[in-house]
N, C-alpha and C. Protein backbone atom coordinates (compact mmCIF):
# COMPACT_ATOMS: atom_id res chain seq x y z
N UNK A 1 243.95 -3.53 204.68
CA UNK A 1 242.59 -4.01 204.42
C UNK A 1 242.27 -5.25 205.22
N UNK A 2 243.28 -6.18 205.25
CA UNK A 2 243.06 -7.42 206.01
C UNK A 2 242.89 -7.11 207.49
N UNK A 3 243.76 -6.21 208.02
CA UNK A 3 243.67 -5.83 209.43
C UNK A 3 242.34 -5.17 209.73
N UNK A 4 241.93 -4.29 208.82
CA UNK A 4 240.65 -3.62 209.02
C UNK A 4 239.50 -4.60 209.03
N UNK A 5 239.58 -5.63 208.15
CA UNK A 5 238.53 -6.64 208.12
C UNK A 5 238.48 -7.44 209.39
N UNK A 6 239.66 -7.77 209.92
CA UNK A 6 239.71 -8.53 211.18
C UNK A 6 239.09 -7.73 212.32
N UNK A 7 239.41 -6.42 212.39
CA UNK A 7 238.84 -5.56 213.43
C UNK A 7 237.33 -5.53 213.32
N UNK A 8 236.87 -5.44 212.05
CA UNK A 8 235.41 -5.39 211.83
C UNK A 8 234.76 -6.69 212.29
N UNK A 9 235.43 -7.82 211.97
CA UNK A 9 234.87 -9.12 212.36
C UNK A 9 234.84 -9.28 213.87
N UNK A 10 235.92 -8.80 214.53
CA UNK A 10 235.97 -8.90 215.99
C UNK A 10 234.99 -7.92 216.62
N UNK A 11 234.88 -6.74 216.02
CA UNK A 11 234.04 -5.70 216.58
C UNK A 11 232.57 -6.02 216.54
N UNK A 12 232.13 -6.69 215.49
CA UNK A 12 230.71 -7.02 215.33
C UNK A 12 230.20 -7.92 216.45
N UNK A 13 230.88 -9.04 216.73
CA UNK A 13 230.42 -9.89 217.84
C UNK A 13 230.48 -9.17 219.18
N UNK A 14 231.50 -8.32 219.35
CA UNK A 14 231.62 -7.58 220.60
C UNK A 14 230.45 -6.64 220.78
N UNK A 15 230.08 -5.97 219.70
CA UNK A 15 228.95 -5.04 219.77
C UNK A 15 227.66 -5.79 220.09
N UNK A 16 227.50 -6.97 219.48
CA UNK A 16 226.31 -7.79 219.74
C UNK A 16 226.28 -8.22 221.20
N UNK A 17 227.45 -8.62 221.72
CA UNK A 17 227.54 -9.07 223.11
C UNK A 17 227.19 -7.95 224.07
N UNK A 18 227.70 -6.75 223.79
CA UNK A 18 227.42 -5.61 224.65
C UNK A 18 225.94 -5.25 224.62
N UNK A 19 225.37 -5.29 223.42
CA UNK A 19 223.95 -4.98 223.29
C UNK A 19 223.09 -6.01 224.02
N UNK A 20 223.48 -7.27 223.91
CA UNK A 20 222.75 -8.35 224.59
C UNK A 20 222.83 -8.18 226.10
N UNK A 21 224.03 -7.84 226.59
CA UNK A 21 224.21 -7.64 228.03
C UNK A 21 223.36 -6.50 228.54
N UNK A 22 223.29 -5.41 227.74
CA UNK A 22 222.48 -4.26 228.13
C UNK A 22 221.01 -4.62 228.19
N UNK A 23 220.53 -5.32 227.18
CA UNK A 23 219.13 -5.72 227.14
C UNK A 23 218.80 -6.67 228.28
N UNK A 24 219.73 -7.59 228.57
CA UNK A 24 219.52 -8.53 229.67
C UNK A 24 219.44 -7.81 231.00
N UNK A 25 220.34 -6.82 231.17
CA UNK A 25 220.34 -6.03 232.41
C UNK A 25 219.03 -5.29 232.58
N UNK A 26 218.55 -4.69 231.49
CA UNK A 26 217.29 -3.95 231.55
C UNK A 26 216.12 -4.89 231.83
N UNK A 27 216.16 -6.07 231.22
CA UNK A 27 215.09 -7.05 231.43
C UNK A 27 215.07 -7.54 232.86
N UNK A 28 216.27 -7.80 233.40
CA UNK A 28 216.36 -8.27 234.78
C UNK A 28 215.83 -7.23 235.75
N UNK A 29 216.15 -5.94 235.48
CA UNK A 29 215.65 -4.87 236.34
C UNK A 29 214.13 -4.85 236.31
N UNK A 30 213.55 -5.06 235.13
CA UNK A 30 212.10 -5.05 235.01
C UNK A 30 211.44 -6.25 235.62
N UNK A 31 212.20 -7.31 235.86
CA UNK A 31 211.65 -8.52 236.45
C UNK A 31 211.36 -8.37 237.94
N UNK A 32 211.93 -7.35 238.57
CA UNK A 32 211.78 -7.18 240.01
C UNK A 32 210.70 -6.15 240.32
N UNK A 33 209.61 -6.57 240.94
CA UNK A 33 208.56 -5.61 241.28
C UNK A 33 209.03 -4.66 242.38
N UNK A 34 208.48 -3.47 242.37
CA UNK A 34 208.83 -2.48 243.39
C UNK A 34 208.50 -2.99 244.77
N UNK A 35 209.45 -2.87 245.68
CA UNK A 35 209.23 -3.29 247.06
C UNK A 35 209.66 -2.24 248.06
N UNK A 36 210.08 -1.08 247.56
CA UNK A 36 210.53 0.01 248.42
C UNK A 36 210.32 1.34 247.71
N UNK A 37 209.89 2.33 248.46
CA UNK A 37 209.86 3.70 247.92
C UNK A 37 209.76 4.71 249.06
N UNK A 38 210.13 5.93 248.73
CA UNK A 38 209.87 7.07 249.61
C UNK A 38 208.58 7.70 249.12
N UNK A 39 207.69 8.02 250.03
CA UNK A 39 206.41 8.57 249.59
C UNK A 39 206.60 9.90 248.87
N UNK A 40 205.87 10.09 247.81
CA UNK A 40 205.96 11.33 247.04
C UNK A 40 205.35 12.51 247.78
N UNK A 41 204.51 12.20 248.74
CA UNK A 41 203.88 13.26 249.54
C UNK A 41 203.56 12.72 250.93
N UNK A 42 203.46 13.65 251.87
CA UNK A 42 203.06 13.28 253.22
C UNK A 42 201.55 13.28 253.33
N UNK A 43 201.08 13.11 254.56
CA UNK A 43 199.64 13.09 254.77
C UNK A 43 199.10 14.47 255.11
N UNK A 44 200.01 15.44 255.29
CA UNK A 44 199.60 16.83 255.48
C UNK A 44 199.23 17.21 256.88
N UNK A 45 199.37 16.28 257.84
CA UNK A 45 199.01 16.57 259.22
C UNK A 45 200.19 16.40 260.17
N UNK A 46 201.38 16.69 259.65
CA UNK A 46 202.57 16.58 260.48
C UNK A 46 202.81 15.16 260.94
N UNK A 47 203.04 15.00 262.24
CA UNK A 47 203.31 13.67 262.79
C UNK A 47 202.08 12.85 263.08
N UNK A 48 200.91 13.40 262.83
CA UNK A 48 199.67 12.63 263.01
C UNK A 48 199.38 11.85 261.73
N UNK A 49 199.76 10.59 261.76
CA UNK A 49 199.58 9.73 260.60
C UNK A 49 198.39 8.77 260.76
N UNK A 50 197.69 8.94 261.87
CA UNK A 50 196.63 7.97 262.16
C UNK A 50 197.21 6.67 262.70
N UNK A 51 198.34 6.80 263.41
CA UNK A 51 199.01 5.61 263.95
C UNK A 51 199.67 4.80 262.85
N UNK A 52 200.15 3.62 263.22
CA UNK A 52 200.80 2.76 262.23
C UNK A 52 199.84 2.36 261.12
N UNK A 53 198.59 2.11 261.49
CA UNK A 53 197.60 1.68 260.50
C UNK A 53 197.38 2.74 259.44
N UNK A 54 197.31 4.01 259.87
CA UNK A 54 197.12 5.09 258.91
C UNK A 54 198.31 5.25 257.99
N UNK A 55 199.51 5.10 258.56
CA UNK A 55 200.72 5.22 257.75
C UNK A 55 200.82 4.08 256.74
N UNK A 56 200.50 2.86 257.18
CA UNK A 56 200.52 1.71 256.26
C UNK A 56 199.53 1.90 255.12
N UNK A 57 198.36 2.42 255.46
CA UNK A 57 197.33 2.65 254.44
C UNK A 57 197.80 3.70 253.42
N UNK A 58 198.52 4.70 253.90
CA UNK A 58 199.05 5.74 253.01
C UNK A 58 200.06 5.13 252.03
N UNK A 59 200.92 4.25 252.54
CA UNK A 59 201.88 3.56 251.67
C UNK A 59 201.16 2.74 250.61
N UNK A 60 200.15 1.99 251.05
CA UNK A 60 199.42 1.13 250.14
C UNK A 60 198.67 1.90 249.07
N UNK A 61 198.10 3.03 249.46
CA UNK A 61 197.35 3.85 248.51
C UNK A 61 198.26 4.40 247.42
N UNK A 62 199.42 4.91 247.82
CA UNK A 62 200.36 5.46 246.84
C UNK A 62 200.92 4.37 245.93
N UNK A 63 201.22 3.22 246.52
CA UNK A 63 201.77 2.11 245.73
C UNK A 63 200.77 1.65 244.68
N UNK A 64 199.51 1.50 245.06
CA UNK A 64 198.48 1.05 244.13
C UNK A 64 198.26 2.08 243.02
N UNK A 65 198.29 3.35 243.38
CA UNK A 65 198.12 4.40 242.38
C UNK A 65 199.26 4.39 241.36
N UNK A 66 200.43 3.89 241.80
CA UNK A 66 201.59 3.82 240.91
C UNK A 66 201.62 2.52 240.12
N UNK A 67 200.62 1.65 240.34
CA UNK A 67 200.52 0.42 239.56
C UNK A 67 200.94 -0.84 240.27
N UNK A 68 201.30 -0.74 241.55
CA UNK A 68 201.69 -1.93 242.32
C UNK A 68 200.43 -2.60 242.84
N UNK A 69 200.28 -3.87 242.52
CA UNK A 69 199.07 -4.60 242.92
C UNK A 69 199.40 -5.83 243.77
N UNK A 70 198.53 -6.11 244.71
CA UNK A 70 198.61 -7.35 245.47
C UNK A 70 199.75 -7.46 246.46
N UNK A 71 200.32 -6.33 246.88
CA UNK A 71 201.42 -6.37 247.84
C UNK A 71 200.96 -5.79 249.18
N UNK A 72 201.59 -6.23 250.25
CA UNK A 72 201.29 -5.73 251.59
C UNK A 72 202.34 -4.70 251.96
N UNK A 73 201.92 -3.46 252.12
CA UNK A 73 202.87 -2.36 252.34
C UNK A 73 202.87 -1.93 253.80
N UNK A 74 204.07 -1.66 254.30
CA UNK A 74 204.27 -1.22 255.68
C UNK A 74 205.16 0.02 255.70
N UNK A 75 204.78 0.98 256.51
CA UNK A 75 205.62 2.16 256.72
C UNK A 75 206.75 1.80 257.67
N UNK A 76 207.92 2.31 257.39
CA UNK A 76 209.09 2.05 258.24
C UNK A 76 209.01 3.00 259.44
N UNK A 77 208.28 2.56 260.47
CA UNK A 77 208.05 3.37 261.67
C UNK A 77 208.12 2.50 262.92
N UNK A 78 208.68 3.07 263.97
CA UNK A 78 208.69 2.42 265.28
C UNK A 78 207.72 3.15 266.20
N UNK A 79 207.42 2.53 267.34
CA UNK A 79 206.56 3.15 268.35
C UNK A 79 207.27 3.13 269.70
N UNK A 80 206.70 3.81 270.66
CA UNK A 80 207.21 3.83 272.03
C UNK A 80 206.10 3.40 272.99
N UNK A 81 206.49 2.64 274.02
CA UNK A 81 205.52 2.19 275.01
C UNK A 81 206.07 2.38 276.41
N UNK A 82 205.19 2.55 277.37
CA UNK A 82 205.57 2.73 278.76
C UNK A 82 206.04 1.40 279.35
N UNK A 83 207.25 1.40 279.90
CA UNK A 83 207.73 0.22 280.60
C UNK A 83 208.31 -0.88 279.73
N UNK A 84 208.24 -0.75 278.41
CA UNK A 84 208.82 -1.75 277.53
C UNK A 84 209.08 -1.12 276.16
N UNK A 85 209.85 -1.82 275.35
CA UNK A 85 210.13 -1.30 274.02
C UNK A 85 208.89 -1.46 273.14
N UNK A 86 208.69 -0.49 272.28
CA UNK A 86 207.56 -0.54 271.38
C UNK A 86 207.84 -1.40 270.15
N UNK A 87 207.04 -1.23 269.15
CA UNK A 87 207.21 -1.95 267.88
C UNK A 87 208.41 -1.36 267.15
N UNK A 88 209.25 -2.23 266.62
CA UNK A 88 210.43 -1.79 265.88
C UNK A 88 210.15 -1.78 264.38
N UNK A 89 210.58 -0.72 263.72
CA UNK A 89 210.36 -0.59 262.27
C UNK A 89 210.92 -1.78 261.51
N UNK A 90 212.09 -2.25 261.90
CA UNK A 90 212.75 -3.34 261.18
C UNK A 90 211.96 -4.65 261.25
N UNK A 91 211.09 -4.77 262.25
CA UNK A 91 210.30 -5.99 262.41
C UNK A 91 208.98 -5.95 261.66
N UNK A 92 208.69 -4.81 261.02
CA UNK A 92 207.40 -4.64 260.36
C UNK A 92 207.45 -4.84 258.85
N UNK A 93 208.64 -4.89 258.29
CA UNK A 93 208.78 -4.70 256.84
C UNK A 93 209.07 -5.98 256.04
N UNK A 94 208.96 -7.12 256.67
CA UNK A 94 209.22 -8.36 255.95
C UNK A 94 210.69 -8.72 255.94
N UNK A 95 211.04 -9.65 255.06
CA UNK A 95 212.39 -10.21 255.04
C UNK A 95 213.24 -9.73 253.88
N UNK A 96 212.64 -9.08 252.89
CA UNK A 96 213.39 -8.66 251.70
C UNK A 96 213.47 -9.80 250.71
N UNK A 97 214.14 -9.60 249.56
CA UNK A 97 214.82 -8.37 249.15
C UNK A 97 213.84 -7.30 248.72
N UNK A 98 214.35 -6.06 248.65
CA UNK A 98 213.53 -4.93 248.24
C UNK A 98 214.19 -4.19 247.07
N UNK A 99 213.38 -3.89 246.08
CA UNK A 99 213.84 -3.16 244.89
C UNK A 99 213.06 -1.86 244.77
N UNK A 100 213.68 -0.85 244.20
CA UNK A 100 212.96 0.41 243.99
C UNK A 100 212.14 0.36 242.71
N UNK A 101 211.54 1.48 242.34
CA UNK A 101 210.65 1.52 241.17
C UNK A 101 211.38 1.29 239.86
N UNK A 102 212.71 1.40 239.87
CA UNK A 102 213.51 1.16 238.66
C UNK A 102 214.09 -0.25 238.63
N UNK A 103 213.73 -1.08 239.61
CA UNK A 103 214.24 -2.43 239.65
C UNK A 103 215.64 -2.54 240.23
N UNK A 104 216.11 -1.48 240.89
CA UNK A 104 217.44 -1.51 241.51
C UNK A 104 217.34 -2.09 242.92
N UNK A 105 218.24 -2.98 243.25
CA UNK A 105 218.24 -3.60 244.57
C UNK A 105 218.62 -2.58 245.64
N UNK A 106 217.76 -2.44 246.65
CA UNK A 106 218.05 -1.57 247.79
C UNK A 106 218.75 -2.37 248.89
N UNK A 107 218.25 -3.54 249.18
CA UNK A 107 218.86 -4.42 250.19
C UNK A 107 218.32 -5.82 250.01
N UNK A 108 219.16 -6.81 250.32
CA UNK A 108 218.75 -8.20 250.14
C UNK A 108 217.97 -8.73 251.33
N UNK A 109 218.23 -8.19 252.51
CA UNK A 109 217.51 -8.62 253.71
C UNK A 109 217.60 -7.52 254.76
N UNK A 110 217.04 -7.79 255.94
CA UNK A 110 216.97 -6.76 256.98
C UNK A 110 218.36 -6.34 257.47
N UNK A 111 219.26 -7.29 257.62
CA UNK A 111 220.61 -6.94 258.06
C UNK A 111 221.32 -6.08 257.02
N UNK A 112 221.22 -6.47 255.76
CA UNK A 112 221.83 -5.71 254.68
C UNK A 112 221.28 -4.29 254.65
N UNK A 113 219.99 -4.16 254.92
CA UNK A 113 219.33 -2.87 254.90
C UNK A 113 219.92 -1.92 255.94
N UNK A 114 220.33 -2.47 257.08
CA UNK A 114 220.82 -1.62 258.16
C UNK A 114 222.35 -1.58 258.27
N UNK A 115 223.04 -2.34 257.44
CA UNK A 115 224.50 -2.33 257.47
C UNK A 115 225.09 -1.70 256.21
N UNK A 116 224.65 -2.15 255.06
CA UNK A 116 225.22 -1.62 253.81
C UNK A 116 224.18 -1.55 252.70
N UNK A 117 223.13 -0.77 252.89
CA UNK A 117 222.08 -0.67 251.87
C UNK A 117 222.52 0.16 250.68
N UNK A 118 221.91 -0.12 249.54
CA UNK A 118 222.09 0.72 248.36
C UNK A 118 221.04 1.83 248.42
N UNK A 119 221.20 2.68 249.41
CA UNK A 119 220.18 3.68 249.69
C UNK A 119 220.84 5.06 249.75
N UNK A 120 220.71 5.79 248.66
CA UNK A 120 221.21 7.16 248.52
C UNK A 120 220.15 7.94 247.74
N UNK A 121 220.41 9.20 247.50
CA UNK A 121 219.41 10.03 246.82
C UNK A 121 219.02 9.45 245.46
N UNK A 122 219.97 8.90 244.73
CA UNK A 122 219.71 8.38 243.39
C UNK A 122 218.78 7.17 243.42
N UNK A 123 218.88 6.36 244.47
CA UNK A 123 218.10 5.12 244.52
C UNK A 123 216.85 5.22 245.40
N UNK A 124 216.85 6.16 246.33
CA UNK A 124 215.70 6.31 247.24
C UNK A 124 214.62 7.16 246.57
N UNK A 125 214.06 6.60 245.51
CA UNK A 125 213.08 7.32 244.71
C UNK A 125 211.66 7.08 245.23
N UNK A 126 210.72 7.86 244.74
CA UNK A 126 209.34 7.69 245.18
C UNK A 126 208.66 6.57 244.41
N UNK A 127 207.37 6.39 244.64
CA UNK A 127 206.63 5.26 244.05
C UNK A 127 206.53 5.35 242.53
N UNK A 128 206.75 6.54 241.99
CA UNK A 128 206.71 6.72 240.54
C UNK A 128 208.10 6.73 239.91
N UNK A 129 209.11 6.48 240.73
CA UNK A 129 210.48 6.45 240.22
C UNK A 129 211.14 7.81 240.15
N UNK A 130 210.51 8.82 240.74
CA UNK A 130 211.07 10.17 240.72
C UNK A 130 211.98 10.41 241.93
N UNK A 131 213.02 11.19 241.71
CA UNK A 131 213.90 11.54 242.83
C UNK A 131 213.18 12.46 243.80
N UNK A 132 213.53 12.32 245.07
CA UNK A 132 212.95 13.13 246.14
C UNK A 132 213.96 14.21 246.51
N UNK A 133 213.49 15.44 246.65
CA UNK A 133 214.38 16.54 246.99
C UNK A 133 215.21 16.25 248.23
N UNK A 134 216.49 16.61 248.16
CA UNK A 134 217.39 16.42 249.28
C UNK A 134 218.17 17.68 249.56
N UNK A 135 219.28 17.50 250.26
CA UNK A 135 220.13 18.63 250.59
C UNK A 135 220.61 19.32 249.32
N UNK A 136 220.46 20.64 249.27
CA UNK A 136 220.84 21.42 248.10
C UNK A 136 219.69 21.72 247.17
N UNK A 137 218.57 21.00 247.35
CA UNK A 137 217.38 21.25 246.54
C UNK A 137 216.45 22.20 247.29
N UNK A 138 215.55 22.84 246.54
CA UNK A 138 214.57 23.73 247.16
C UNK A 138 213.17 23.30 246.75
N UNK A 139 212.33 22.93 247.72
CA UNK A 139 212.67 22.82 249.15
C UNK A 139 213.37 21.49 249.46
N UNK A 140 214.15 21.50 250.51
CA UNK A 140 214.77 20.28 250.99
C UNK A 140 213.71 19.43 251.69
N UNK A 141 213.60 18.16 251.30
CA UNK A 141 212.59 17.28 251.91
C UNK A 141 213.22 15.95 252.35
N UNK A 142 214.49 16.02 252.77
CA UNK A 142 215.19 14.76 253.04
C UNK A 142 214.91 14.15 254.40
N UNK A 143 214.20 14.86 255.29
CA UNK A 143 213.83 14.28 256.59
C UNK A 143 212.67 13.30 256.40
N UNK A 144 212.96 12.02 256.63
CA UNK A 144 211.93 10.99 256.48
C UNK A 144 211.56 10.46 257.87
N UNK A 145 210.30 10.46 258.20
CA UNK A 145 209.85 10.01 259.52
C UNK A 145 210.17 8.54 259.74
N UNK A 146 210.77 8.23 260.90
CA UNK A 146 211.05 6.82 261.24
C UNK A 146 210.75 6.49 262.70
N UNK A 147 211.03 7.41 263.62
CA UNK A 147 210.84 7.13 265.05
C UNK A 147 211.74 6.03 265.56
N UNK A 148 212.85 5.81 264.87
CA UNK A 148 213.68 4.64 265.15
C UNK A 148 215.12 4.99 265.48
N UNK A 149 215.80 4.04 266.13
CA UNK A 149 217.23 4.15 266.29
C UNK A 149 217.89 3.70 264.99
N UNK A 150 219.21 3.85 264.92
CA UNK A 150 219.92 3.63 263.67
C UNK A 150 219.74 2.23 263.10
N UNK A 151 219.58 1.25 263.99
CA UNK A 151 219.44 -0.14 263.53
C UNK A 151 217.99 -0.53 263.26
N UNK A 152 217.10 0.46 263.30
CA UNK A 152 215.70 0.20 262.99
C UNK A 152 214.87 -0.30 264.15
N UNK A 153 215.44 -0.26 265.35
CA UNK A 153 214.70 -0.73 266.53
C UNK A 153 214.05 0.44 267.25
N UNK A 154 213.06 0.11 268.08
CA UNK A 154 212.37 1.11 268.88
C UNK A 154 213.29 1.58 270.01
N UNK A 155 213.04 2.77 270.50
CA UNK A 155 213.83 3.30 271.61
C UNK A 155 213.55 2.52 272.89
N UNK A 156 214.54 2.50 273.78
CA UNK A 156 214.39 1.82 275.06
C UNK A 156 213.40 2.58 275.94
N UNK A 157 212.72 1.87 276.86
CA UNK A 157 211.69 2.53 277.68
C UNK A 157 212.24 3.61 278.60
N UNK A 158 213.52 3.53 278.96
CA UNK A 158 214.07 4.58 279.83
C UNK A 158 214.31 5.87 279.06
N UNK A 159 214.21 5.82 277.74
CA UNK A 159 214.32 7.03 276.92
C UNK A 159 212.96 7.74 276.94
N UNK A 160 212.86 8.77 277.79
CA UNK A 160 211.56 9.41 278.02
C UNK A 160 211.18 10.41 276.93
N UNK A 161 212.15 10.89 276.17
CA UNK A 161 211.83 11.85 275.12
C UNK A 161 210.96 11.23 274.04
N UNK A 162 210.03 12.03 273.55
CA UNK A 162 209.16 11.54 272.48
C UNK A 162 209.93 11.51 271.16
N UNK A 163 209.95 10.36 270.50
CA UNK A 163 210.60 10.21 269.21
C UNK A 163 209.61 9.84 268.11
N UNK A 164 208.32 9.74 268.48
CA UNK A 164 207.33 9.21 267.54
C UNK A 164 206.06 10.06 267.43
N UNK A 165 206.16 11.34 267.84
CA UNK A 165 204.96 12.19 267.81
C UNK A 165 203.76 11.46 268.43
N UNK A 166 203.99 10.99 269.67
CA UNK A 166 202.95 10.26 270.42
C UNK A 166 202.40 9.10 269.61
N UNK A 167 203.36 8.28 269.15
CA UNK A 167 202.99 7.10 268.34
C UNK A 167 202.18 7.47 267.11
N UNK A 168 202.63 8.55 266.46
CA UNK A 168 202.11 8.99 265.17
C UNK A 168 200.65 9.42 265.23
N UNK A 169 200.34 10.12 266.36
CA UNK A 169 198.98 10.66 266.52
C UNK A 169 198.98 12.16 266.81
N UNK A 170 200.16 12.77 266.92
CA UNK A 170 200.23 14.18 267.30
C UNK A 170 200.66 15.06 266.12
N UNK A 171 199.97 16.16 265.98
CA UNK A 171 200.37 17.17 265.00
C UNK A 171 200.67 18.48 265.72
N UNK A 172 201.07 18.33 267.00
CA UNK A 172 201.34 19.51 267.81
C UNK A 172 202.60 19.28 268.65
N UNK A 173 202.44 18.81 269.86
CA UNK A 173 203.56 18.62 270.77
C UNK A 173 204.32 17.33 270.44
N UNK A 174 205.60 17.32 270.89
CA UNK A 174 206.41 16.13 270.70
C UNK A 174 207.47 16.31 269.65
N UNK A 175 208.05 15.21 269.24
CA UNK A 175 209.10 15.22 268.22
C UNK A 175 209.10 13.88 267.51
N UNK A 176 209.66 13.88 266.32
CA UNK A 176 209.77 12.63 265.54
C UNK A 176 211.23 12.45 265.13
N UNK A 177 211.76 11.26 265.35
CA UNK A 177 213.10 10.96 264.85
C UNK A 177 212.99 10.74 263.34
N UNK A 178 213.93 11.32 262.62
CA UNK A 178 213.89 11.24 261.15
C UNK A 178 215.24 10.75 260.62
N UNK A 179 215.21 10.18 259.43
CA UNK A 179 216.41 9.79 258.72
C UNK A 179 216.56 10.64 257.48
N UNK A 180 217.75 10.61 256.88
CA UNK A 180 218.00 11.37 255.66
C UNK A 180 218.12 10.42 254.46
N UNK A 181 217.16 10.48 253.57
CA UNK A 181 217.17 9.56 252.43
C UNK A 181 218.36 9.79 251.49
N UNK A 182 218.92 11.02 251.53
CA UNK A 182 220.05 11.34 250.65
C UNK A 182 221.40 11.12 251.33
N UNK A 183 221.36 10.72 252.60
CA UNK A 183 222.56 10.43 253.40
C UNK A 183 223.46 11.65 253.54
N UNK A 184 222.87 12.84 253.60
CA UNK A 184 223.62 14.08 253.75
C UNK A 184 222.93 14.97 254.77
N UNK A 185 223.73 15.87 255.37
CA UNK A 185 223.17 16.90 256.23
C UNK A 185 223.59 16.80 257.68
N UNK A 186 224.19 17.86 258.19
CA UNK A 186 224.56 17.90 259.60
C UNK A 186 225.63 16.91 260.00
N UNK A 187 226.37 16.40 259.03
CA UNK A 187 227.42 15.43 259.35
C UNK A 187 226.89 14.06 259.67
N UNK A 188 225.60 13.81 259.47
CA UNK A 188 225.00 12.53 259.79
C UNK A 188 224.50 11.87 258.52
N UNK A 189 225.00 10.68 258.22
CA UNK A 189 224.63 10.02 256.97
C UNK A 189 223.60 8.91 257.19
N UNK A 190 222.99 8.86 258.36
CA UNK A 190 222.02 7.79 258.64
C UNK A 190 220.72 8.00 257.88
N UNK A 191 220.30 6.99 257.17
CA UNK A 191 219.02 7.07 256.45
C UNK A 191 217.85 6.80 257.40
N UNK A 192 218.15 6.21 258.57
CA UNK A 192 217.07 5.79 259.46
C UNK A 192 216.96 6.60 260.74
N UNK A 193 218.05 7.28 261.16
CA UNK A 193 218.00 7.98 262.44
C UNK A 193 219.03 9.10 262.49
N UNK A 194 218.70 10.23 261.88
CA UNK A 194 219.64 11.34 261.79
C UNK A 194 219.47 12.36 262.92
N UNK A 195 218.23 12.72 263.24
CA UNK A 195 217.97 13.71 264.30
C UNK A 195 216.48 13.76 264.57
N UNK A 196 216.13 14.53 265.58
CA UNK A 196 214.72 14.72 265.90
C UNK A 196 214.17 15.96 265.24
N UNK A 197 212.87 15.99 265.03
CA UNK A 197 212.22 17.18 264.44
C UNK A 197 212.00 18.23 265.54
N UNK A 198 211.74 19.45 265.12
CA UNK A 198 211.49 20.52 266.08
C UNK A 198 210.16 20.35 266.80
N UNK A 199 209.25 19.70 266.16
CA UNK A 199 207.93 19.48 266.73
C UNK A 199 207.17 18.52 265.85
N UNK A 200 205.87 18.44 266.03
CA UNK A 200 205.08 17.47 265.27
C UNK A 200 204.08 18.10 264.31
N UNK A 201 204.03 19.42 264.25
CA UNK A 201 203.15 20.05 263.29
C UNK A 201 203.76 19.97 261.90
N UNK A 202 202.95 20.17 260.89
CA UNK A 202 203.46 20.12 259.52
C UNK A 202 204.52 21.20 259.32
N UNK A 203 204.29 22.37 259.87
CA UNK A 203 205.26 23.46 259.72
C UNK A 203 206.57 23.15 260.43
N UNK A 204 206.50 22.46 261.56
CA UNK A 204 207.71 22.08 262.28
C UNK A 204 208.54 21.09 261.46
N UNK A 205 207.88 20.15 260.81
CA UNK A 205 208.59 19.18 259.98
C UNK A 205 209.27 19.87 258.80
N UNK A 206 208.59 20.85 258.23
CA UNK A 206 209.15 21.59 257.10
C UNK A 206 210.38 22.38 257.53
N UNK A 207 210.34 22.96 258.73
CA UNK A 207 211.44 23.79 259.21
C UNK A 207 212.75 23.02 259.34
N UNK A 208 212.66 21.74 259.62
CA UNK A 208 213.90 20.95 259.76
C UNK A 208 214.26 20.19 258.49
N UNK A 209 213.59 20.52 257.39
CA UNK A 209 213.96 19.90 256.11
C UNK A 209 213.15 18.70 255.73
N UNK A 210 211.88 18.69 256.09
CA UNK A 210 211.03 17.54 255.78
C UNK A 210 209.68 17.94 255.23
N UNK A 211 208.84 16.93 255.04
CA UNK A 211 207.48 17.18 254.57
C UNK A 211 206.54 16.08 255.07
N UNK A 212 207.00 15.33 256.09
CA UNK A 212 206.17 14.24 256.60
C UNK A 212 206.21 13.02 255.71
N UNK A 213 207.31 12.84 254.96
CA UNK A 213 207.42 11.70 254.06
C UNK A 213 207.80 10.44 254.83
N UNK A 214 207.52 9.29 254.21
CA UNK A 214 207.76 7.99 254.83
C UNK A 214 208.57 7.09 253.91
N UNK A 215 209.22 6.10 254.51
CA UNK A 215 209.78 4.97 253.76
C UNK A 215 208.71 3.88 253.76
N UNK A 216 208.45 3.30 252.61
CA UNK A 216 207.47 2.21 252.52
C UNK A 216 208.15 0.96 251.98
N UNK A 217 207.85 -0.18 252.60
CA UNK A 217 208.43 -1.46 252.21
C UNK A 217 207.32 -2.49 251.99
N UNK A 218 207.49 -3.33 251.01
CA UNK A 218 206.58 -4.45 250.80
C UNK A 218 206.98 -5.55 251.78
N UNK A 219 206.04 -5.92 252.64
CA UNK A 219 206.34 -6.89 253.70
C UNK A 219 205.95 -8.31 253.35
N UNK A 220 205.39 -8.53 252.15
CA UNK A 220 204.95 -9.87 251.78
C UNK A 220 206.12 -10.70 251.26
C-alpha cells in the first residue's frame, strides 16, 4: 500500500508535467504564423503564370483565403535572362524563419532551407494544412515549379535550355525545372531541382507528375 501510494504521488506530478509540456508545445506551434506552403492548386495554364507577378499574386490570394493577413508572399521561382543570370528564387523569399500551416519550422534561414530543411511530404502542406499528393498517390502531384538549380539560384546564361517556361509566360513550348516536395522519385530527393518537365502545357506538367503547383514563402 505504501509503495502504491508513493507511485501514485510520483505519477501525478509526472502526468501534470507531461500535460503541461504538451500544451506548451501546442501553444508554441500556434504562436508561429504560416510563412510557407505548397499551393493547393495551380493556375490551370501550365507554365504560364503571368510571370513572377502573377505567381506572387496567386500565392497571396491562396494565403489570404486561408486566413493569412498582412504578409508579403513570393513564389519560389527563378528566371532566365540573355547574357546574365536571371532572378534567383532564393533571393525573393525573405530571410526566414518559415513555418508551415501547422506551426512546424521548415527552415530558420535561407541557408538552412537549402542545406537541411524540414521539408518532406508530411511538412510540405498546402495553405490549409492539407497534405499534397506525392509519389504513390493518385494522382501524383509532387512536381513543384521552381525554374531553379538545387541551391535556389537561377541558371547560368550559358545554359541555353529553357528551365522557366519562357520566364513563366508559356503554356506551350519550353520546359520548367521542378522540385519534389515529397523528396521522392527517380532517385532524386531535391525539393528545389529534381528534373525538367516535358513541356509547358498543363497536360505536359501532369504527365511528369505535377499540376503546376508552387512553393510560396512569406518574404516580410
